[in-house]
Protein backbone atom coordinates (compact mmCIF):
# COMPACT_ATOMS: atom_id res chain seq x y z
CA MET A 1 118.65 117.47 142.02
CA ARG A 2 116.59 114.53 143.39
CA ALA A 3 113.65 116.87 144.65
CA ARG A 4 113.50 118.28 141.13
CA ALA A 5 113.12 114.83 139.69
CA ILE A 6 110.43 113.91 141.99
CA SER A 7 108.43 117.05 141.21
CA LEU A 8 108.94 116.66 137.41
CA ALA A 9 107.92 113.37 137.65
CA TRP A 10 104.68 114.10 139.92
CA PHE A 11 104.18 116.89 137.23
CA ILE A 12 103.95 114.45 134.33
CA CYS A 13 101.99 112.20 136.36
CA ALA A 14 99.48 114.87 136.89
CA MET A 15 99.33 115.81 133.24
CA MET A 16 98.90 112.02 131.98
CA VAL A 17 95.77 111.55 134.17
CA PRO A 18 93.61 114.23 132.31
CA ILE A 19 95.22 113.01 128.80
CA ILE A 20 94.49 109.25 129.66
CA TRP A 21 91.02 109.97 130.65
CA LEU A 22 90.29 112.01 127.61
CA LEU A 23 91.84 108.92 125.49
CA SER A 24 89.03 106.48 127.31
CA LEU A 25 86.63 108.75 126.21
CA HIS A 26 87.02 107.66 122.37
CA LEU A 27 86.40 111.25 121.38
CA ALA A 28 85.89 111.74 117.66
CA ILE A 29 86.51 115.53 116.33
CA ASN A 30 84.58 116.65 113.48
CA VAL A 31 86.20 119.60 111.44
CA THR A 32 83.33 119.90 108.30
CA PRO A 33 80.22 121.78 108.71
CA SER A 34 78.18 118.37 107.57
CA MET A 35 77.71 118.12 111.41
CA PRO A 36 78.22 120.82 113.95
CA VAL A 37 82.08 120.90 114.66
CA GLY A 38 83.42 119.79 117.74
CA PHE A 39 84.13 116.54 119.75
CA TYR A 40 81.80 113.64 119.71
CA ARG A 41 82.03 110.37 122.01
CA ALA A 42 82.28 107.21 120.20
CA TYR A 43 80.29 104.55 121.34
CA PRO A 44 80.24 100.39 120.35
CA VAL A 45 77.58 99.45 117.99
CA ASP A 46 76.04 97.26 120.42
CA ARG A 47 72.63 97.34 118.86
CA PRO A 48 71.10 97.51 115.97
CA LEU A 49 70.91 101.20 114.13
CA ALA A 50 68.01 103.15 114.41
CA ARG A 51 66.71 106.10 112.42
CA GLY A 52 67.96 109.22 114.02
CA ASP A 53 71.45 107.66 115.07
CA ILE A 54 74.63 109.71 114.51
CA VAL A 55 77.08 107.15 113.15
CA GLN A 56 80.97 107.36 112.31
CA ILE A 57 81.38 105.50 109.04
CA CYS A 58 84.01 105.09 106.62
CA ALA A 59 82.92 106.53 103.09
CA PRO A 60 82.85 104.14 100.19
CA SER A 61 85.97 103.14 98.34
CA ASN A 62 85.32 105.41 95.54
CA VAL A 63 84.53 108.44 97.44
CA ALA A 64 87.40 107.76 99.58
CA LYS A 65 89.56 107.74 96.68
CA LEU A 66 88.32 110.82 95.72
CA ILE A 67 89.01 112.29 99.03
CA SER A 68 92.22 111.01 99.31
CA ALA A 69 93.20 113.13 95.78
CA ARG A 70 92.36 116.19 97.91
CA PRO A 71 95.39 118.25 98.95
CA ASN A 72 96.07 118.80 102.48
CA GLU A 73 93.30 116.13 103.69
CA PRO A 74 93.66 114.40 107.19
CA LYS A 75 94.96 110.98 107.30
CA GLY A 76 92.51 108.06 109.12
CA ALA A 77 91.91 104.79 109.15
CA CYS A 78 89.19 103.85 106.74
CA PRO A 79 90.26 103.14 103.05
CA TYR A 80 92.84 105.26 100.97
CA GLN A 81 93.77 106.68 104.80
CA THR A 82 90.80 108.74 105.11
CA ILE A 83 88.64 109.94 107.82
CA PRO A 84 85.47 108.79 109.01
CA PHE A 85 82.28 110.52 108.17
CA LEU A 86 79.76 111.53 110.87
CA LYS A 87 76.09 111.31 109.34
CA PHE A 88 72.39 110.78 110.46
CA VAL A 89 71.12 107.18 109.82
CA ALA A 90 67.97 108.63 107.68
CA GLY A 91 67.06 105.31 105.99
CA LEU A 92 66.68 101.63 107.21
CA PRO A 93 66.60 98.24 105.33
CA GLY A 94 63.02 98.24 103.61
CA ASP A 95 62.57 102.03 103.40
CA ILE A 96 61.80 103.50 99.88
CA VAL A 97 64.29 106.61 98.65
CA ASP A 98 62.92 108.90 96.43
CA LEU A 99 66.19 110.65 95.02
CA SER A 100 65.99 114.01 92.76
CA ASN A 101 68.10 116.93 92.46
CA ALA A 102 65.46 118.85 94.54
CA ALA A 103 65.12 116.87 97.43
CA VAL A 104 65.65 113.06 98.93
CA ILE A 105 62.23 111.76 99.93
CA ILE A 106 62.13 108.83 102.48
CA ASN A 107 58.94 106.63 102.79
CA GLY A 108 57.07 109.91 101.88
CA THR A 109 58.76 112.67 103.87
CA THR A 110 61.26 114.86 102.41
CA LEU A 111 64.25 115.66 104.23
CA PRO A 112 65.07 119.44 104.74
CA GLY A 113 68.50 120.53 103.22
CA SER A 114 68.66 117.59 100.94
CA ALA A 115 68.46 119.29 97.77
CA VAL A 116 71.92 118.29 95.40
CA PRO A 117 73.87 121.33 94.64
CA LYS A 118 75.38 121.71 91.43
CA ALA A 119 78.29 119.89 90.59
CA GLY A 120 81.60 121.55 90.93
CA LYS A 121 85.41 120.60 90.81
CA ASP A 122 85.29 119.29 94.19
CA SER A 123 81.58 117.53 94.05
CA PRO A 124 81.51 113.78 94.74
CA PRO A 125 80.32 111.18 92.36
CA ARG A 126 76.77 111.32 91.85
CA ILE A 127 74.34 108.28 91.70
CA ALA A 128 71.50 107.97 89.49
CA ARG A 129 68.32 110.12 90.42
CA GLY A 130 65.27 107.62 90.71
CA ARG A 131 63.75 105.42 93.27
CA TYR A 132 65.97 102.97 95.78
CA VAL A 133 64.64 100.16 97.95
CA LEU A 134 66.98 99.70 100.99
CA GLY A 135 67.80 96.04 101.17
CA ALA A 136 69.29 94.20 103.62
CA GLY A 137 72.17 95.83 105.70
CA ARG A 138 71.74 98.82 103.59
CA ILE A 139 71.41 102.44 105.06
CA TRP A 140 70.76 105.77 103.89
CA LEU A 141 73.07 108.34 105.15
CA TRP A 142 72.40 112.46 105.66
CA THR A 143 72.64 115.74 107.23
CA PRO A 144 70.74 118.86 106.67
CA TYR A 145 73.67 120.53 105.56
CA TYR A 146 73.40 121.17 101.89
CA ARG A 147 76.88 120.31 100.51
CA SER A 148 77.43 117.18 102.76
CA TRP A 149 78.74 114.14 101.00
CA ASP A 150 76.49 111.78 102.05
CA SER A 151 74.15 109.19 100.39
CA ARG A 152 72.65 111.69 98.13
CA TYR A 153 76.00 111.27 96.25
CA PHE A 154 77.04 107.72 96.66
CA GLY A 155 73.53 106.18 97.64
CA PRO A 156 73.12 103.44 100.32
CA ALA A 157 75.82 102.39 102.50
CA ARG A 158 76.56 99.14 104.18
CA ALA A 159 75.55 99.09 107.59
CA ALA A 160 78.79 96.88 108.19
CA ASP A 161 80.98 99.73 107.79
CA VAL A 162 79.35 101.76 110.68
CA ILE A 163 82.27 101.83 112.94
CA SER A 164 80.58 103.60 116.19
CA PHE A 165 77.68 105.39 117.29
CA ALA A 166 78.46 109.00 117.99
CA ARG A 167 77.26 111.69 120.55
CA PRO A 168 77.78 115.18 120.69
CA VAL A 169 80.52 116.08 123.81
CA PHE A 170 81.28 119.99 123.09
CA ALA A 171 79.78 121.03 119.47
CA GLY A 172 79.75 124.40 118.46
CA GLY A 173 77.46 126.55 116.28
CA SER A 174 73.87 126.34 116.09
CA TRP A 175 71.81 122.99 116.44
CA ALA A 176 68.70 124.38 115.10
CA ASP A 177 69.26 122.61 111.59
CA TRP A 178 70.34 119.39 113.00
CA ALA A 179 67.64 119.47 115.63
CA ALA A 180 65.01 120.16 112.86
CA GLY A 181 66.49 116.97 110.96
CA LYS A 182 66.10 114.78 113.96
CA ARG A 183 62.69 115.75 114.62
CA CYS A 184 62.07 114.93 110.58
CA LEU A 185 63.73 111.79 111.12
CA ALA A 186 61.49 110.79 113.96
CA SER A 187 58.06 111.68 111.87
CA ILE A 188 59.13 109.23 109.12
CA PRO A 189 56.91 106.57 108.73
CA PRO A 190 57.90 102.83 108.24
CA PRO A 191 57.58 101.58 104.84
CA SER A 192 54.60 99.59 105.31
CA LYS A 193 52.47 102.56 106.45
CA LYS A 194 53.71 104.87 103.80
CA LYS A 195 50.83 107.61 102.95
């Protein structure tokens, strides 16, 4: 009986080691098509945000309220018990963002996949179309997925609401669209050098 108890204790310890190790990685799981589905490692925000960073951020309160009203929505630590979004940082303070139904243009560069689909019953609230100049502490969030709930719907986000940086550990699907999107972000000139 004692040998069985010792074997069971060793088995439980052996199972706990990988679980503790996985928890120490601070993994986030993405299950939406806005970014490739899979596991992302969360890193502390220990430097200024840069264009092209993937971040975890809580949705603005009005969007979080809408999300929380949807059936079977997972619970998280953001407002209205929603889970954080994973998005690219596309715009930074000082950037000029031109928003239309056809595209998002930052400092003269059009973001691929940034057209706004026609409104549907599950569409997020929409901000006014027009020009936005990002103020201090404001960022523009984006992904190339055409139905992504990002700044094209809810406008500039607060940089202070960024929870962490994120990097893919294991994410399925094709990264072609996201890689093209990241290249596009790298090509955006600073606002002072706008063509």
